[in-house]
Amino acid sequence: MNLPEIGDIVTTKEALELCRYFGLDYLIERIESDSERYWELLFSRRFTRIHTDRVK
């Protein structure tokens, strides 16, 4: 598992993989319940939703 550095942008898929790796089931449920709400996340001391103009 490659862990992101503070300040890295993490896709929703990568965030879910990190949550599974660390057993954060409550975050997995939260992200999967409203996946449109979480596009890309800024990896910081907590996940922060960011807006980008990138096409998925």
N, C-alpha and C. Protein backbone atom coordinates (compact mmCIF):
# COMPACT_ATOMS: atom_id res chain seq x y z
N MET A 1 0.85 -1.17 0.00
CA MET A 1 0.00 0.00 0.00
C MET A 1 0.90 1.23 0.00
N ASN A 2 0.72 2.07 -1.01
CA ASN A 2 1.43 3.35 -1.05
C ASN A 2 0.57 4.39 -0.35
N LEU A 3 1.08 4.93 0.72
CA LEU A 3 0.34 5.93 1.47
C LEU A 3 0.59 7.31 0.89
N PRO A 4 -0.46 8.13 0.79
CA PRO A 4 -0.28 9.48 0.27
C PRO A 4 0.44 10.36 1.29
N GLU A 5 1.05 11.39 0.77
CA GLU A 5 1.69 12.40 1.61
C GLU A 5 0.66 13.47 1.94
N ILE A 6 0.87 14.18 3.04
CA ILE A 6 0.01 15.31 3.37
C ILE A 6 0.05 16.30 2.21
N GLY A 7 -1.12 16.71 1.74
CA GLY A 7 -1.22 17.64 0.62
C GLY A 7 -1.48 16.97 -0.71
N ASP A 8 -1.37 15.63 -0.79
CA ASP A 8 -1.68 14.90 -2.02
C ASP A 8 -3.18 14.90 -2.26
N ILE A 9 -3.55 14.87 -3.55
CA ILE A 9 -4.95 14.72 -3.92
C ILE A 9 -5.22 13.24 -4.10
N VAL A 10 -6.29 12.77 -3.48
CA VAL A 10 -6.63 11.35 -3.47
C VAL A 10 -8.00 11.19 -4.13
N THR A 11 -8.10 10.28 -5.09
CA THR A 11 -9.40 10.02 -5.71
C THR A 11 -10.30 9.30 -4.72
N THR A 12 -11.57 9.28 -5.02
CA THR A 12 -12.52 8.58 -4.16
C THR A 12 -12.15 7.09 -4.06
N LYS A 13 -11.75 6.51 -5.19
CA LYS A 13 -11.36 5.09 -5.19
C LYS A 13 -10.17 4.86 -4.26
N GLU A 14 -9.17 5.73 -4.35
CA GLU A 14 -7.99 5.60 -3.48
C GLU A 14 -8.36 5.81 -2.02
N ALA A 15 -9.26 6.75 -1.76
CA ALA A 15 -9.70 7.00 -0.39
C ALA A 15 -10.39 5.76 0.18
N LEU A 16 -11.23 5.12 -0.63
CA LEU A 16 -11.90 3.90 -0.17
C LEU A 16 -10.89 2.79 0.12
N GLU A 17 -9.87 2.66 -0.74
CA GLU A 17 -8.83 1.65 -0.50
C GLU A 17 -8.10 1.92 0.81
N LEU A 18 -7.78 3.19 1.06
CA LEU A 18 -7.11 3.55 2.32
C LEU A 18 -8.00 3.23 3.52
N CYS A 19 -9.27 3.56 3.42
CA CYS A 19 -10.21 3.28 4.51
C CYS A 19 -10.31 1.78 4.77
N ARG A 20 -10.36 0.99 3.70
CA ARG A 20 -10.42 -0.48 3.87
C ARG A 20 -9.14 -0.99 4.52
N TYR A 21 -8.01 -0.48 4.09
CA TYR A 21 -6.72 -0.89 4.62
C TYR A 21 -6.64 -0.64 6.14
N PHE A 22 -7.16 0.50 6.56
CA PHE A 22 -7.09 0.87 7.98
C PHE A 22 -8.35 0.49 8.77
N GLY A 23 -9.30 -0.21 8.12
CA GLY A 23 -10.48 -0.67 8.81
C GLY A 23 -11.45 0.42 9.22
N LEU A 24 -11.53 1.47 8.43
CA LEU A 24 -12.41 2.60 8.75
C LEU A 24 -13.77 2.41 8.07
N ASP A 25 -14.50 1.40 8.54
CA ASP A 25 -15.76 1.02 7.91
C ASP A 25 -16.78 2.15 7.90
N TYR A 26 -16.80 2.97 8.96
CA TYR A 26 -17.77 4.06 9.02
C TYR A 26 -17.51 5.09 7.91
N LEU A 27 -16.25 5.30 7.54
CA LEU A 27 -15.94 6.22 6.45
C LEU A 27 -16.28 5.61 5.10
N ILE A 28 -16.07 4.32 4.97
CA ILE A 28 -16.44 3.62 3.73
C ILE A 28 -17.94 3.77 3.50
N GLU A 29 -18.73 3.52 4.53
CA GLU A 29 -20.19 3.65 4.42
C GLU A 29 -20.58 5.07 4.06
N ARG A 30 -19.93 6.03 4.69
CA ARG A 30 -20.26 7.44 4.44
C ARG A 30 -19.95 7.83 3.00
N ILE A 31 -18.79 7.44 2.50
CA ILE A 31 -18.42 7.77 1.12
C ILE A 31 -19.31 7.05 0.13
N GLU A 32 -19.54 5.75 0.33
CA GLU A 32 -20.34 4.98 -0.61
C GLU A 32 -21.82 5.37 -0.59
N SER A 33 -22.31 5.89 0.51
CA SER A 33 -23.72 6.27 0.59
C SER A 33 -24.03 7.51 -0.25
N ASP A 34 -23.04 8.33 -0.52
CA ASP A 34 -23.24 9.55 -1.30
C ASP A 34 -21.97 9.84 -2.09
N SER A 35 -21.66 8.95 -3.03
CA SER A 35 -20.38 9.05 -3.75
C SER A 35 -20.27 10.31 -4.60
N GLU A 36 -21.38 10.89 -5.03
CA GLU A 36 -21.32 12.13 -5.80
C GLU A 36 -20.82 13.29 -4.96
N ARG A 37 -20.96 13.19 -3.67
CA ARG A 37 -20.53 14.26 -2.76
C ARG A 37 -19.01 14.31 -2.63
N TYR A 38 -18.35 13.16 -2.82
CA TYR A 38 -16.91 13.06 -2.65
C TYR A 38 -16.26 12.76 -4.00
N TRP A 39 -15.69 13.77 -4.65
CA TRP A 39 -15.04 13.55 -5.94
C TRP A 39 -13.60 13.21 -5.72
N GLU A 40 -12.86 14.19 -5.32
CA GLU A 40 -11.46 14.00 -4.99
C GLU A 40 -11.25 14.61 -3.63
N LEU A 41 -10.33 14.07 -2.90
CA LEU A 41 -10.10 14.52 -1.54
C LEU A 41 -8.66 14.97 -1.37
N LEU A 42 -8.48 16.01 -0.61
CA LEU A 42 -7.14 16.46 -0.26
C LEU A 42 -6.73 15.70 0.99
N PHE A 43 -5.63 14.96 0.90
CA PHE A 43 -5.18 14.18 2.04
C PHE A 43 -4.51 15.12 3.02
N SER A 44 -5.14 15.30 4.15
CA SER A 44 -4.59 16.16 5.20
C SER A 44 -4.77 15.42 6.51
N ARG A 45 -4.79 16.11 7.57
CA ARG A 45 -5.03 15.43 8.84
C ARG A 45 -6.45 14.86 8.87
N ARG A 46 -7.28 15.36 7.97
CA ARG A 46 -8.61 14.80 7.74
C ARG A 46 -8.88 14.96 6.26
N PHE A 47 -9.76 14.14 5.70
CA PHE A 47 -10.08 14.26 4.28
C PHE A 47 -10.87 15.53 4.04
N THR A 48 -10.51 16.27 3.01
CA THR A 48 -11.17 17.51 2.66
C THR A 48 -11.60 17.44 1.20
N ARG A 49 -12.87 17.63 0.95
CA ARG A 49 -13.37 17.60 -0.42
C ARG A 49 -12.85 18.82 -1.17
N ILE A 50 -12.43 18.60 -2.42
CA ILE A 50 -11.98 19.71 -3.25
C ILE A 50 -12.70 19.64 -4.58
N HIS A 51 -12.76 20.74 -5.28
CA HIS A 51 -13.36 20.80 -6.61
C HIS A 51 -12.25 20.95 -7.62
N THR A 52 -12.31 20.14 -8.67
CA THR A 52 -11.34 20.28 -9.75
C THR A 52 -12.11 20.32 -11.06
N ASP A 53 -11.43 20.74 -12.11
CA ASP A 53 -12.04 20.79 -13.42
C ASP A 53 -11.70 19.55 -14.25
N ARG A 54 -11.08 18.57 -13.60
CA ARG A 54 -10.70 17.36 -14.32
C ARG A 54 -11.94 16.56 -14.71
N VAL A 55 -11.90 16.00 -15.89
CA VAL A 55 -12.99 15.14 -16.37
C VAL A 55 -12.73 13.73 -15.87
N LYS A 56 -13.73 13.10 -15.36
CA LYS A 56 -13.61 11.74 -14.84
C LYS A 56 -13.77 10.73 -15.96
